[in-house]
């Protein structure tokens, strides 16, 4: 065994945190995909950890804080940087590279600017527009990053529910956000499907492939209200097992896996979300959310647990599905037909997301989804990892 010291940046992006690396700073064997790189990154985070605490690494023992990002100059035309995301399992020995992290997408532009990967020609500009190639799903993200004299501006008044302190607003635009591995917006070919939920019977669901593959179910079909917080779900093993079984069956229905058992090693996709019409509720921070201020309520599962807020990629899926008549999400969304954006309630508060949907040759397409997040550097330096040759 030997100790490796590798430059890294610990960053918050949206409601997630992760370890960011410049590709060229990684050990040679970690610059290419493979088992050695995965093992190295798992050790950075502190996984696999049977205690599920990640004490011996940088992870925070939640799906929102067990993440790694690799950034490099882009090899794609008309893009500035390539962005690769890994969701690190907490207690098992694998990294899921199958999808994007919408929250950490907000930190990609700032990291690239701070690390000299973006040429800033106009030092008087208020924003730097960073064109990002998302390597996991092979799609474009455009980040509008606030700058001051060519440096990232982190301080601001933008408040994001699920994040304690205000910061500068970063606008993200997800271009044609359908996973390139399955270019069908609706993998089953339907806006809504009858889905058999064991113990509950047939219920109408929507399975969509925008941002990240997601199955949307009515909360009432699961005997939920739609106002649940983390402790209402995550403290009940039987509920978690039920939801994971539904997610695994959706994985097969969406063509992501061929067998239910395969979903165990592919926990990042699909996501499962349940929703309800607007209701008053109290968020996890004690904030009163009024029904009149939201278009719908959504709760989403991430890596086997109810998410404390909302994954950015799932927010893309919500915005896309809400914009298309005939989906389960659109049916419960209280929205004016002229509106391009919605506000939905999640366990930590609310979030606004907008989608540009259109029909082409009789098929629905999502041209762009837009939302605002924030990001900042939490720590810079080097991570130390014990590795064998």
Protein backbone atom coordinates (compact mmCIF):
# COMPACT_ATOMS: atom_id res chain seq x y z
CA UNK A 1 0.00 0.00 0.00
CA UNK A 2 1.07 3.57 -0.60
CA UNK A 3 -0.47 6.97 0.12
CA UNK A 4 -1.54 9.09 -2.85
CA UNK A 5 -2.08 12.84 -2.46
CA UNK A 6 -4.29 14.15 -5.25
CA UNK A 7 -5.48 17.74 -5.86
CA UNK A 8 -9.24 18.03 -5.38
CA UNK A 9 -11.97 20.53 -4.59
CA UNK A 10 -14.88 19.87 -2.24
CA UNK A 11 -17.90 21.76 -3.62
CA UNK A 12 -21.58 22.27 -2.99
CA UNK A 13 -23.77 22.38 -6.06
CA UNK A 14 -27.48 22.96 -5.50
CA UNK A 15 -28.55 20.67 -2.66
CA UNK A 16 -25.66 18.20 -3.16
CA UNK A 17 -21.96 18.05 -2.31
CA UNK A 18 -19.16 16.23 -4.08
CA UNK A 19 -15.44 15.92 -4.71
CA UNK A 20 -14.32 17.56 -7.98
CA UNK A 21 -11.19 16.56 -9.88
CA UNK A 22 -9.41 17.97 -12.89
CA UNK A 23 -8.84 14.89 -15.05
CA UNK A 24 -5.14 15.65 -15.54
CA UNK A 25 -4.60 15.79 -11.74
CA UNK A 26 -5.77 12.22 -11.24
CA UNK A 27 -3.23 9.37 -11.00
CA UNK A 28 -2.47 7.98 -14.46
CA UNK A 29 -4.46 4.79 -13.80
CA UNK A 30 -7.48 6.86 -12.72
CA UNK A 31 -7.52 8.95 -15.89
CA UNK A 32 -9.12 6.07 -17.76
CA UNK A 33 -12.33 4.25 -16.80
CA UNK A 34 -11.89 0.90 -15.08
CA UNK A 35 -11.84 -0.96 -11.76
CA UNK A 36 -8.73 0.85 -10.44
CA UNK A 37 -10.30 4.29 -10.97
CA UNK A 38 -13.55 3.18 -9.36
CA UNK A 39 -11.72 1.77 -6.34
CA UNK A 40 -9.66 4.97 -5.99
CA UNK A 41 -12.79 7.17 -6.08
CA UNK A 42 -14.64 4.90 -3.68
CA UNK A 43 -11.78 5.25 -1.20
CA UNK A 44 -11.86 9.05 -1.61
CA UNK A 45 -15.50 9.00 -0.52
CA UNK A 46 -15.07 6.26 2.12
CA UNK A 47 -16.94 3.41 0.46
CA UNK A 48 -17.91 0.66 0.63
CA UNK A 49 -18.75 1.12 4.30
CA UNK A 50 -20.84 -1.57 6.04
CA UNK A 51 -21.45 0.94 8.85
CA UNK A 52 -22.98 3.34 6.26
CA UNK A 53 -21.20 6.36 7.80
CA UNK A 54 -18.27 6.93 5.38
CA UNK A 55 -16.14 7.96 8.38
CA UNK A 56 -12.90 7.06 6.58
CA UNK A 57 -13.57 9.28 3.57
CA UNK A 58 -15.08 12.53 2.32
CA UNK A 59 -18.63 11.26 1.87
CA UNK A 60 -21.48 12.37 4.08
CA UNK A 61 -23.36 9.03 4.22
CA UNK A 62 -26.28 10.21 2.09
CA UNK A 63 -26.98 9.98 -1.63
CA UNK A 64 -26.64 13.79 -1.83
CA UNK A 65 -23.10 13.74 -0.43
CA UNK A 66 -21.61 10.56 -1.91
CA UNK A 67 -20.63 11.92 -5.31
CA UNK A 68 -17.56 12.46 -7.50
CA UNK A 69 -17.02 14.65 -10.56
CA UNK A 70 -14.25 14.61 -13.17
CA UNK A 71 -13.75 17.72 -15.35
CA UNK A 72 -11.59 18.12 -18.47
CA UNK A 73 -11.35 20.37 -21.54
CA UNK A 74 -14.06 19.29 -23.95
CA UNK A 75 -13.38 17.07 -26.93
CA UNK A 76 -16.80 18.00 -28.36
CA UNK A 77 -17.19 20.81 -30.91
CA UNK A 78 -18.74 24.01 -29.53
CA UNK A 79 -18.32 22.96 -25.90
CA UNK A 80 -15.93 24.24 -23.25
CA UNK A 81 -15.61 21.32 -20.86
CA UNK A 82 -16.49 17.66 -20.41
CA UNK A 83 -18.23 16.71 -17.18
CA UNK A 84 -18.38 13.13 -15.88
CA UNK A 85 -20.43 12.28 -12.78
CA UNK A 86 -20.24 9.25 -10.49
CA UNK A 87 -22.77 8.30 -7.82
CA UNK A 88 -20.85 6.33 -5.20
CA UNK A 89 -22.72 3.62 -3.34
CA UNK A 90 -22.39 4.05 0.41
CA UNK A 91 -22.33 0.43 1.59
CA UNK A 92 -21.62 -1.53 -1.59
CA UNK A 93 -18.54 -1.60 -3.82
CA UNK A 94 -19.63 0.17 -6.98
CA UNK A 95 -20.01 3.57 -8.64
CA UNK A 96 -23.04 4.21 -10.81
CA UNK A 97 -21.97 6.13 -13.93
CA UNK A 98 -25.36 5.80 -15.64
CA UNK A 99 -26.74 9.31 -15.20
CA UNK A 100 -26.13 12.95 -14.43
CA UNK A 101 -26.41 14.94 -11.19
CA UNK A 102 -28.45 18.07 -11.89
CA UNK A 103 -27.50 19.70 -8.61
CA UNK A 104 -23.73 19.29 -9.02
CA UNK A 105 -24.14 20.55 -12.60
CA UNK A 106 -24.36 24.00 -11.00
CA UNK A 107 -20.82 23.66 -9.62
CA UNK A 108 -19.22 22.48 -12.88
CA UNK A 109 -18.97 25.94 -14.48
CA UNK A 110 -17.52 27.59 -11.35
CA UNK A 111 -14.95 24.79 -10.97
CA UNK A 112 -13.88 25.11 -14.60
CA UNK A 113 -13.49 28.90 -14.35
CA UNK A 114 -11.56 28.72 -11.07
CA UNK A 115 -9.22 26.07 -12.46
CA UNK A 116 -8.34 27.96 -15.65
CA UNK A 117 -10.31 25.73 -18.02
CA UNK A 118 -12.36 28.66 -19.35
CA UNK A 119 -10.78 31.54 -21.26
CA UNK A 120 -12.47 34.73 -20.04
CA UNK A 121 -11.91 37.42 -22.66
CA UNK A 122 -14.18 40.11 -21.19
CA UNK A 123 -13.13 40.86 -17.62
CA UNK A 124 -15.95 43.41 -17.28
CA UNK A 125 -18.63 40.82 -17.97
CA UNK A 126 -21.17 40.07 -15.22
CA UNK A 127 -21.60 36.46 -16.33
CA UNK A 128 -19.54 33.72 -17.92
CA UNK A 129 -21.51 31.35 -20.14
CA UNK A 130 -20.01 27.87 -19.85
CA UNK A 131 -20.97 25.23 -22.43
CA UNK A 132 -20.80 21.84 -20.74
CA UNK A 133 -20.80 18.40 -22.35
CA UNK A 134 -22.40 15.96 -19.91
CA UNK A 135 -20.52 12.75 -20.70
CA UNK A 136 -22.79 10.33 -18.83
CA UNK A 137 -25.85 11.12 -20.94
CA UNK A 138 -24.08 12.85 -23.85
CA UNK A 139 -26.08 16.06 -23.64
CA UNK A 140 -25.38 19.79 -23.48
CA UNK A 141 -25.82 21.99 -20.40
CA UNK A 142 -25.33 25.75 -20.54
CA UNK A 143 -24.42 27.42 -17.24
CA UNK A 144 -24.67 31.18 -16.73
CA UNK A 145 -22.15 31.78 -13.93
CA UNK A 146 -21.91 35.18 -12.20
CA UNK A 147 -18.38 36.58 -12.28
CA UNK A 148 -16.53 39.66 -11.08
CA UNK A 149 -13.31 40.68 -12.82
CA UNK A 150 -13.06 37.20 -14.30
CA UNK A 151 -13.44 35.42 -10.96
CA UNK A 152 -16.45 33.36 -9.87
CA UNK A 153 -18.84 35.37 -7.74
CA UNK A 154 -20.23 33.14 -5.00
CA UNK A 155 -21.84 35.67 -2.68
CA UNK A 156 -25.40 36.71 -3.47
CA UNK A 157 -28.99 36.85 -2.28
CA UNK A 158 -30.41 33.84 -4.14
CA UNK A 159 -32.11 31.45 -1.71
CA UNK A 160 -32.50 27.77 -2.54
CA UNK A 161 -34.71 25.65 -0.31
CA UNK A 162 -32.64 22.80 1.07
CA UNK A 163 -29.53 25.02 1.36
CA UNK A 164 -28.99 26.98 4.57
CA UNK A 165 -27.31 30.15 3.33
CA UNK A 166 -28.01 32.41 0.31
CA UNK A 167 -25.53 32.62 -2.57
CA UNK A 168 -25.17 33.90 -6.13
CA UNK A 169 -27.70 32.54 -8.62
CA UNK A 170 -26.50 30.22 -11.39
CA UNK A 171 -28.88 29.62 -14.27
CA UNK A 172 -28.77 26.17 -15.86
CA UNK A 173 -30.24 25.24 -19.22
CA UNK A 174 -30.45 21.53 -20.01
CA UNK A 175 -30.57 21.18 -23.79
CA UNK A 176 -32.67 18.36 -25.26
CA UNK A 177 -32.33 16.47 -21.97
CA UNK A 178 -33.27 12.98 -23.16
CA UNK A 179 -30.69 10.33 -22.22
CA UNK A 180 -28.79 9.45 -25.39
CA UNK A 181 -28.80 5.75 -24.47
CA UNK A 182 -32.56 5.78 -24.97
CA UNK A 183 -33.65 8.65 -27.19
CA UNK A 184 -37.32 7.97 -26.53
CA UNK A 185 -38.85 10.62 -24.28
CA UNK A 186 -41.46 8.06 -23.21
CA UNK A 187 -39.73 4.65 -23.14
CA UNK A 188 -43.00 2.69 -23.26
CA UNK A 189 -44.31 4.85 -26.09
CA UNK A 190 -47.14 6.13 -23.88
CA UNK A 191 -47.74 9.37 -21.98
CA UNK A 192 -49.32 7.26 -19.23
CA UNK A 193 -49.41 3.53 -18.47
CA UNK A 194 -51.40 1.21 -16.25
CA UNK A 195 -48.83 -0.15 -13.80
CA UNK A 196 -49.47 -3.02 -11.42
CA UNK A 197 -48.21 -2.20 -7.93
CA UNK A 198 -48.12 -5.34 -5.77
CA UNK A 199 -50.53 -4.93 -2.89
CA UNK A 200 -52.15 -1.86 -4.43
CA UNK A 201 -53.29 -3.01 -7.87
CA UNK A 202 -53.32 -1.10 -11.15
CA UNK A 203 -52.56 2.60 -11.07
CA UNK A 204 -51.84 5.15 -13.78
CA UNK A 205 -48.20 6.22 -13.96
CA UNK A 206 -45.92 8.17 -16.30
CA UNK A 207 -42.47 6.88 -17.21
CA UNK A 208 -40.34 9.58 -18.79
CA UNK A 209 -36.74 9.89 -19.91
CA UNK A 210 -35.91 13.59 -19.45
CA UNK A 211 -33.05 14.70 -17.23
CA UNK A 212 -33.02 11.23 -15.75
CA UNK A 213 -35.34 8.27 -16.34
CA UNK A 214 -38.17 8.63 -13.81
CA UNK A 215 -41.44 6.92 -12.93
CA UNK A 216 -44.15 9.22 -11.52
CA UNK A 217 -46.93 7.76 -9.39
CA UNK A 218 -49.87 9.39 -7.59
CA UNK A 219 -49.11 9.57 -3.86
CA UNK A 220 -52.54 8.16 -3.02
CA UNK A 221 -51.74 4.99 -4.97
CA UNK A 222 -49.11 4.27 -2.29
CA UNK A 223 -51.33 5.34 0.63
CA UNK A 224 -49.28 8.53 0.98
CA UNK A 225 -50.51 12.10 1.20
CA UNK A 226 -47.73 13.74 -0.85
CA UNK A 227 -46.61 15.87 2.10
CA UNK A 228 -44.18 13.29 3.52
CA UNK A 229 -40.78 14.30 4.90
CA UNK A 230 -37.70 12.10 5.15
CA UNK A 231 -38.48 10.66 8.57
CA UNK A 232 -41.92 9.54 7.39
CA UNK A 233 -40.34 7.19 4.83
CA UNK A 234 -36.70 6.57 5.67
CA UNK A 235 -37.39 5.32 9.19
CA UNK A 236 -39.61 2.52 7.86
CA UNK A 237 -37.70 -0.38 6.24
CA UNK A 238 -40.90 -1.96 4.91
CA UNK A 239 -41.78 1.26 3.03
CA UNK A 240 -38.28 1.53 1.57
CA UNK A 241 -38.41 -2.09 0.43
CA UNK A 242 -41.81 -1.53 -1.19
CA UNK A 243 -40.63 1.57 -3.06
CA UNK A 244 -37.41 -0.11 -4.20
CA UNK A 245 -39.38 -3.06 -5.57
CA UNK A 246 -41.60 -0.68 -7.56
CA UNK A 247 -38.53 1.16 -8.87
CA UNK A 248 -36.91 -2.13 -9.91
CA UNK A 249 -40.03 -3.17 -11.81
CA UNK A 250 -40.14 0.23 -13.51
CA UNK A 251 -36.52 -0.29 -14.57
CA UNK A 252 -37.59 -3.36 -16.53
CA UNK A 253 -40.69 -1.65 -17.94
CA UNK A 254 -38.53 1.25 -19.17
CA UNK A 255 -35.99 -1.06 -20.81
CA UNK A 256 -33.16 0.00 -18.50
CA UNK A 257 -32.65 -3.52 -17.16
CA UNK A 258 -33.88 -6.88 -18.42
CA UNK A 259 -34.35 -8.40 -14.97
CA UNK A 260 -35.52 -6.95 -11.67
CA UNK A 261 -32.39 -8.25 -9.94
CA UNK A 262 -30.15 -6.12 -12.16
CA UNK A 263 -31.47 -2.89 -10.61
CA UNK A 264 -29.51 -3.59 -7.41
CA UNK A 265 -26.28 -2.54 -9.14
CA UNK A 266 -27.98 0.29 -11.04
CA UNK A 267 -29.43 2.35 -8.20
CA UNK A 268 -29.04 5.78 -9.79
CA UNK A 269 -31.66 5.12 -12.48
CA UNK A 270 -34.55 5.13 -12.80
CA UNK A 271 -35.79 7.51 -10.13
CA UNK A 272 -39.15 7.00 -8.45
CA UNK A 273 -41.27 10.02 -7.55
CA UNK A 274 -44.75 10.32 -6.10
CA UNK A 275 -46.90 13.42 -6.37
CA UNK A 276 -50.12 15.07 -5.29
CA UNK A 277 -52.16 18.18 -5.90
CA UNK A 278 -51.18 21.34 -3.94
CA UNK A 279 -51.64 21.16 -0.16
CA UNK A 280 -50.47 23.18 2.82
CA UNK A 281 -47.58 21.55 4.67
CA UNK A 282 -44.59 22.36 6.86
CA UNK A 283 -41.17 21.75 5.30
CA UNK A 284 -38.26 20.05 7.06
CA UNK A 285 -36.89 23.48 8.06
CA UNK A 286 -40.21 24.51 9.62
CA UNK A 287 -41.20 26.73 6.71
CA UNK A 288 -44.94 26.90 5.98
CA UNK A 289 -45.62 26.00 2.36
CA UNK A 290 -49.03 27.18 1.15
CA UNK A 291 -51.06 25.32 -1.46
CA UNK A 292 -51.72 28.59 -3.29
CA UNK A 293 -47.98 29.08 -3.88
CA UNK A 294 -47.27 25.79 -5.66
CA UNK A 295 -48.56 23.92 -8.70
CA UNK A 296 -48.08 20.43 -7.24
CA UNK A 297 -46.17 18.47 -4.59
CA UNK A 298 -43.45 15.93 -5.45
CA UNK A 299 -41.32 13.59 -3.36
CA UNK A 300 -38.52 11.54 -4.94
CA UNK A 301 -36.41 8.54 -3.98
CA UNK A 302 -32.63 8.63 -4.46
CA UNK A 303 -30.36 5.62 -3.89
CA UNK A 304 -33.01 3.90 -1.81
CA UNK A 305 -33.98 6.81 0.42
CA UNK A 306 -36.40 9.73 0.24
CA UNK A 307 -34.40 12.77 -0.92
CA UNK A 308 -34.24 15.70 1.49
CA UNK A 309 -35.14 18.16 -1.30
CA UNK A 310 -35.15 17.33 -5.03
CA UNK A 311 -32.51 15.98 -7.37
CA UNK A 312 -31.80 18.45 -10.17
CA UNK A 313 -32.22 15.80 -12.85
CA UNK A 314 -35.57 14.73 -11.36
CA UNK A 315 -36.61 18.40 -11.41
CA UNK A 316 -35.90 18.34 -15.15
CA UNK A 317 -38.17 15.29 -15.46
CA UNK A 318 -40.88 17.05 -13.43
CA UNK A 319 -40.74 20.18 -15.59
CA UNK A 320 -40.80 18.15 -18.81
CA UNK A 321 -43.71 15.92 -17.75
CA UNK A 322 -45.71 18.88 -16.43
CA UNK A 323 -45.43 20.60 -19.82
CA UNK A 324 -47.01 17.71 -21.73
CA UNK A 325 -50.80 17.16 -21.57
CA UNK A 326 -51.73 13.57 -20.83
CA UNK A 327 -48.99 12.75 -18.32
CA UNK A 328 -49.75 11.98 -14.69
CA UNK A 329 -47.73 15.05 -13.71
CA UNK A 330 -49.63 17.36 -16.04
CA UNK A 331 -52.96 16.00 -14.83
CA UNK A 332 -52.34 17.07 -11.20
CA UNK A 333 -50.44 20.27 -11.98
CA UNK A 334 -52.38 23.45 -11.37
CA UNK A 335 -51.05 25.59 -14.19
CA UNK A 336 -52.20 28.12 -16.74
CA UNK A 337 -51.81 26.72 -20.26
CA UNK A 338 -49.71 29.77 -21.19
CA UNK A 339 -47.21 29.25 -18.39
CA UNK A 340 -43.78 27.91 -19.31
CA UNK A 341 -42.69 27.16 -15.73
CA UNK A 342 -44.08 25.61 -12.58
CA UNK A 343 -43.31 25.73 -8.86
CA UNK A 344 -43.45 22.42 -7.03
CA UNK A 345 -43.22 21.65 -3.34
CA UNK A 346 -40.63 19.17 -2.02
CA UNK A 347 -39.60 18.17 1.54
CA UNK A 348 -37.32 21.20 2.01
CA UNK A 349 -39.52 23.83 0.34
CA UNK A 350 -40.20 24.80 -3.25
CA UNK A 351 -38.44 24.95 -6.61
CA UNK A 352 -39.26 26.60 -9.93
CA UNK A 353 -38.52 24.80 -13.19
CA UNK A 354 -39.44 25.65 -16.76
CA UNK A 355 -39.63 23.42 -19.83
CA UNK A 356 -39.93 24.15 -23.54
CA UNK A 357 -41.94 21.27 -24.99
CA UNK A 358 -43.15 20.91 -28.57
CA UNK A 359 -44.62 18.34 -30.90
CA UNK A 360 -42.63 17.30 -33.96
CA UNK A 361 -44.06 14.81 -36.44
CA UNK A 362 -46.66 13.86 -33.85
CA UNK A 363 -44.06 13.17 -31.14
CA UNK A 364 -43.36 15.24 -28.06
CA UNK A 365 -39.84 16.60 -27.66
CA UNK A 366 -38.25 18.64 -24.89
CA UNK A 367 -36.06 21.35 -26.36
CA UNK A 368 -34.83 22.84 -23.11
CA UNK A 369 -35.40 22.79 -19.35
CA UNK A 370 -34.26 25.73 -17.23
CA UNK A 371 -33.78 26.16 -13.49
CA UNK A 372 -31.64 28.16 -11.08
CA UNK A 373 -29.26 26.75 -8.47
CA UNK A 374 -26.22 28.01 -6.60
CA UNK A 375 -22.77 26.62 -5.85
CA UNK A 376 -19.64 27.33 -3.90
CA UNK A 377 -16.25 25.93 -2.95
CA UNK A 378 -16.22 24.37 0.52
CA UNK A 379 -12.57 23.30 0.60
CA UNK A 380 -9.58 23.20 -1.72
CA UNK A 381 -6.45 21.10 -1.42
CA UNK A 382 -5.61 17.42 -1.78
CA UNK A 383 -7.26 14.19 -0.83
CA UNK A 384 -5.09 11.41 0.59
CA UNK A 385 -5.88 7.84 -0.37
CA UNK A 386 -4.18 4.51 0.48
CA UNK A 387 -3.91 2.38 -2.66
CA UNK A 388 -2.01 -0.71 -3.71
CA UNK A 389 -0.20 -0.94 -7.04
